[in-house]
């Protein structure tokens, strides 16, 4: 059974699709962490233009949270620490 959640932020809507043990509330919690980390990393609320300009940062954050389809990190500080050690091409 697939579930999805979305959160609008400025002019962007973040979607997350999941299945298995994650219900809609769990997906919303993961999305909130992703958005909070993006705010910290980008220095302001993510918008469409900013995300296009900083697409690499977006990819690093998502890659740190979701690895090969599995949820890995949902701790804000752990995510930020993890992306500091990665280069954009890894």
N, C-alpha and C. Protein backbone atom coordinates (compact mmCIF):
# COMPACT_ATOMS: atom_id res chain seq x y z
N UNK A 1 0.84 -1.18 0.00
CA UNK A 1 0.00 0.00 0.00
C UNK A 1 0.89 1.24 0.00
N UNK A 2 0.78 2.03 -1.01
CA UNK A 2 1.58 3.25 -1.13
C UNK A 2 0.86 4.42 -0.46
N UNK A 3 1.65 5.26 0.18
CA UNK A 3 1.11 6.46 0.82
C UNK A 3 1.95 7.64 0.37
N UNK A 4 1.35 8.82 0.40
CA UNK A 4 2.13 10.00 0.05
C UNK A 4 1.76 11.15 0.97
N UNK A 5 2.69 12.09 1.05
CA UNK A 5 2.48 13.29 1.84
C UNK A 5 3.10 14.45 1.07
N UNK A 6 2.60 15.63 1.32
CA UNK A 6 3.18 16.81 0.68
C UNK A 6 3.12 17.99 1.63
N UNK A 7 4.09 18.90 1.46
CA UNK A 7 4.15 20.13 2.25
C UNK A 7 4.50 21.27 1.30
N UNK A 8 3.64 22.28 1.21
CA UNK A 8 3.98 23.46 0.40
C UNK A 8 4.91 24.39 1.17
N UNK A 9 5.94 24.90 0.47
CA UNK A 9 6.88 25.85 1.05
C UNK A 9 7.13 26.91 -0.02
N UNK A 10 6.88 28.15 0.30
CA UNK A 10 6.96 29.28 -0.65
C UNK A 10 6.26 28.90 -1.95
N UNK A 11 7.00 28.82 -3.05
CA UNK A 11 6.39 28.52 -4.35
C UNK A 11 6.66 27.07 -4.78
N UNK A 12 6.99 26.21 -3.83
CA UNK A 12 7.37 24.83 -4.11
C UNK A 12 6.54 23.89 -3.25
N UNK A 13 6.23 22.72 -3.80
CA UNK A 13 5.54 21.69 -3.02
C UNK A 13 6.46 20.47 -2.97
N UNK A 14 6.78 20.03 -1.75
CA UNK A 14 7.61 18.86 -1.54
C UNK A 14 6.70 17.65 -1.37
N UNK A 15 6.96 16.59 -2.14
CA UNK A 15 6.19 15.35 -2.08
C UNK A 15 7.09 14.23 -1.61
N UNK A 16 6.51 13.28 -0.89
CA UNK A 16 7.23 12.08 -0.50
C UNK A 16 6.27 10.91 -0.61
N UNK A 17 6.71 9.86 -1.28
CA UNK A 17 5.92 8.66 -1.47
C UNK A 17 6.58 7.54 -0.69
N UNK A 18 5.80 6.77 0.04
CA UNK A 18 6.37 5.69 0.83
C UNK A 18 5.42 4.52 0.92
N UNK A 19 5.93 3.44 1.42
CA UNK A 19 5.11 2.25 1.62
C UNK A 19 5.65 1.49 2.82
N UNK A 20 4.96 0.44 3.19
CA UNK A 20 5.44 -0.37 4.30
C UNK A 20 5.11 0.24 5.64
N UNK A 21 6.13 0.41 6.46
CA UNK A 21 5.91 0.82 7.85
C UNK A 21 5.62 2.30 8.01
N UNK A 22 5.75 3.11 6.98
CA UNK A 22 5.57 4.56 7.10
C UNK A 22 4.17 4.98 6.68
N UNK A 23 3.45 5.56 7.62
CA UNK A 23 2.15 6.11 7.29
C UNK A 23 2.32 7.58 6.90
N UNK A 24 1.24 8.26 6.65
CA UNK A 24 1.29 9.65 6.21
C UNK A 24 1.97 10.56 7.22
N UNK A 25 1.72 10.33 8.50
CA UNK A 25 2.34 11.16 9.53
C UNK A 25 3.85 10.96 9.59
N UNK A 26 4.30 9.73 9.41
CA UNK A 26 5.73 9.46 9.36
C UNK A 26 6.39 10.13 8.16
N UNK A 27 5.70 10.10 7.03
CA UNK A 27 6.23 10.76 5.83
C UNK A 27 6.31 12.27 6.01
N UNK A 28 5.31 12.84 6.65
CA UNK A 28 5.33 14.29 6.91
C UNK A 28 6.50 14.65 7.82
N UNK A 29 6.76 13.81 8.82
CA UNK A 29 7.90 14.06 9.71
C UNK A 29 9.22 14.06 8.93
N UNK A 30 9.38 13.12 8.01
CA UNK A 30 10.58 13.05 7.19
C UNK A 30 10.69 14.28 6.30
N UNK A 31 9.57 14.67 5.69
CA UNK A 31 9.57 15.87 4.84
C UNK A 31 9.94 17.12 5.63
N UNK A 32 9.43 17.23 6.84
CA UNK A 32 9.76 18.40 7.67
C UNK A 32 11.26 18.47 7.97
N UNK A 33 11.86 17.32 8.24
CA UNK A 33 13.30 17.30 8.49
C UNK A 33 14.06 17.72 7.24
N UNK A 34 13.67 17.19 6.08
CA UNK A 34 14.33 17.57 4.82
C UNK A 34 14.23 19.07 4.60
N UNK A 35 13.06 19.63 4.81
CA UNK A 35 12.84 21.07 4.60
C UNK A 35 13.65 21.88 5.60
N UNK A 36 13.70 21.45 6.86
CA UNK A 36 14.49 22.17 7.87
C UNK A 36 15.97 22.16 7.53
N UNK A 37 16.48 21.01 7.10
CA UNK A 37 17.90 20.93 6.72
C UNK A 37 18.16 21.80 5.50
N UNK A 38 17.27 21.79 4.53
CA UNK A 38 17.44 22.65 3.35
C UNK A 38 17.47 24.12 3.76
N UNK A 39 16.60 24.52 4.67
CA UNK A 39 16.61 25.91 5.17
C UNK A 39 17.96 26.25 5.79
N UNK A 40 18.49 25.35 6.60
CA UNK A 40 19.78 25.58 7.24
C UNK A 40 20.91 25.63 6.22
N UNK A 41 20.92 24.70 5.29
CA UNK A 41 21.99 24.61 4.31
C UNK A 41 21.94 25.77 3.32
N UNK A 42 20.74 26.15 2.91
CA UNK A 42 20.58 27.21 1.91
C UNK A 42 20.55 28.61 2.52
N UNK A 43 20.30 28.69 3.81
CA UNK A 43 20.28 29.98 4.48
C UNK A 43 18.94 30.69 4.45
N UNK A 44 17.97 30.13 3.76
CA UNK A 44 16.60 30.67 3.74
C UNK A 44 15.64 29.60 3.26
N UNK A 45 14.36 29.93 3.29
CA UNK A 45 13.34 28.95 2.89
C UNK A 45 13.54 28.55 1.43
N UNK A 46 13.46 27.25 1.15
CA UNK A 46 13.65 26.80 -0.22
C UNK A 46 12.54 27.29 -1.15
N UNK A 47 12.93 27.82 -2.28
CA UNK A 47 11.99 28.23 -3.31
C UNK A 47 12.41 27.55 -4.61
N UNK A 48 11.56 27.59 -5.61
CA UNK A 48 11.87 26.92 -6.87
C UNK A 48 13.18 27.43 -7.47
N UNK A 49 13.35 28.74 -7.52
CA UNK A 49 14.56 29.31 -8.09
C UNK A 49 15.80 28.95 -7.31
N UNK A 50 15.70 29.02 -5.99
CA UNK A 50 16.85 28.71 -5.14
C UNK A 50 17.22 27.22 -5.26
N UNK A 51 16.22 26.35 -5.31
CA UNK A 51 16.49 24.93 -5.44
C UNK A 51 17.12 24.59 -6.80
N UNK A 52 16.71 25.31 -7.84
CA UNK A 52 17.35 25.09 -9.15
C UNK A 52 18.80 25.55 -9.13
N UNK A 53 19.05 26.68 -8.48
CA UNK A 53 20.42 27.19 -8.38
C UNK A 53 21.30 26.29 -7.52
N UNK A 54 20.72 25.72 -6.48
CA UNK A 54 21.47 24.90 -5.52
C UNK A 54 21.02 23.44 -5.58
N UNK A 55 20.77 22.97 -6.79
CA UNK A 55 20.24 21.62 -6.99
C UNK A 55 21.15 20.55 -6.38
N UNK A 56 22.45 20.77 -6.44
CA UNK A 56 23.41 19.82 -5.87
C UNK A 56 23.18 19.66 -4.38
N UNK A 57 22.94 20.75 -3.67
CA UNK A 57 22.68 20.68 -2.22
C UNK A 57 21.41 19.89 -1.94
N UNK A 58 20.37 20.13 -2.75
CA UNK A 58 19.13 19.39 -2.60
C UNK A 58 19.38 17.89 -2.75
N UNK A 59 20.14 17.52 -3.78
CA UNK A 59 20.44 16.10 -4.02
C UNK A 59 21.22 15.49 -2.87
N UNK A 60 22.19 16.23 -2.32
CA UNK A 60 22.98 15.71 -1.21
C UNK A 60 22.11 15.47 0.02
N UNK A 61 21.20 16.40 0.30
CA UNK A 61 20.31 16.25 1.47
C UNK A 61 19.41 15.03 1.29
N UNK A 62 18.77 14.92 0.12
CA UNK A 62 17.86 13.79 -0.12
C UNK A 62 18.63 12.48 -0.10
N UNK A 63 19.83 12.47 -0.67
CA UNK A 63 20.65 11.25 -0.69
C UNK A 63 21.04 10.82 0.72
N UNK A 64 21.27 11.78 1.59
CA UNK A 64 21.63 11.47 2.98
C UNK A 64 20.44 10.90 3.74
N UNK A 65 19.24 11.36 3.42
CA UNK A 65 18.03 10.89 4.11
C UNK A 65 17.56 9.55 3.54
N UNK A 66 17.53 9.46 2.22
CA UNK A 66 17.00 8.26 1.55
C UNK A 66 18.11 7.67 0.70
N UNK A 67 18.55 6.48 1.05
CA UNK A 67 19.63 5.83 0.32
C UNK A 67 19.12 4.54 -0.29
N UNK A 68 19.15 4.44 -1.60
CA UNK A 68 18.69 3.27 -2.34
C UNK A 68 17.27 2.88 -1.95
N UNK A 69 16.42 3.87 -1.78
CA UNK A 69 15.01 3.63 -1.47
C UNK A 69 14.70 3.37 -0.01
N UNK A 70 15.72 3.38 0.85
CA UNK A 70 15.50 3.12 2.27
C UNK A 70 15.78 4.37 3.09
N UNK A 71 14.95 4.59 4.06
CA UNK A 71 15.12 5.73 4.95
C UNK A 71 16.33 5.49 5.84
N UNK A 72 17.28 6.43 5.82
CA UNK A 72 18.50 6.25 6.61
C UNK A 72 18.57 7.22 7.77
N UNK A 73 18.64 8.50 7.49
CA UNK A 73 18.85 9.49 8.55
C UNK A 73 17.67 10.44 8.61
N UNK A 74 17.14 10.64 9.80
CA UNK A 74 16.08 11.64 9.99
C UNK A 74 16.45 12.62 11.10
N UNK A 75 17.68 12.56 11.56
CA UNK A 75 18.16 13.50 12.55
C UNK A 75 18.82 14.67 11.82
N UNK A 76 18.35 15.86 12.10
CA UNK A 76 18.80 17.06 11.40
C UNK A 76 20.32 17.24 11.46
N UNK A 77 20.90 17.08 12.62
CA UNK A 77 22.34 17.28 12.78
C UNK A 77 23.14 16.18 12.08
N UNK A 78 22.64 14.95 12.12
CA UNK A 78 23.32 13.85 11.44
C UNK A 78 23.33 14.06 9.93
N UNK A 79 22.25 14.57 9.40
CA UNK A 79 22.15 14.84 7.97
C UNK A 79 23.15 15.92 7.57
N UNK A 80 23.17 17.02 8.34
CA UNK A 80 24.11 18.10 8.03
C UNK A 80 25.55 17.63 8.12
N UNK A 81 25.86 16.80 9.11
CA UNK A 81 27.21 16.27 9.25
C UNK A 81 27.54 15.36 8.07
N UNK A 82 26.58 14.56 7.65
CA UNK A 82 26.80 13.64 6.54
C UNK A 82 27.04 14.34 5.21
N UNK A 83 26.34 15.44 4.96
CA UNK A 83 26.53 16.12 3.68
C UNK A 83 27.81 16.94 3.65
N UNK A 84 28.34 17.30 4.81
CA UNK A 84 29.61 18.04 4.84
C UNK A 84 30.74 17.17 4.31
N UNK A 85 30.66 15.87 4.55
CA UNK A 85 31.73 14.98 4.13
C UNK A 85 31.61 14.49 2.70
N UNK A 86 30.56 14.87 2.01
CA UNK A 86 30.36 14.40 0.64
C UNK A 86 30.65 15.50 -0.36
N UNK A 87 31.25 15.10 -1.44
CA UNK A 87 31.41 16.01 -2.56
C UNK A 87 30.19 15.86 -3.47
N UNK A 88 29.93 16.84 -4.29
CA UNK A 88 28.75 16.84 -5.14
C UNK A 88 28.73 15.68 -6.13
N UNK A 89 29.85 15.13 -6.47
CA UNK A 89 29.89 14.08 -7.49
C UNK A 89 29.86 12.68 -6.90
N UNK A 90 29.77 12.51 -5.57
CA UNK A 90 29.74 11.17 -4.98
C UNK A 90 28.36 10.58 -5.10
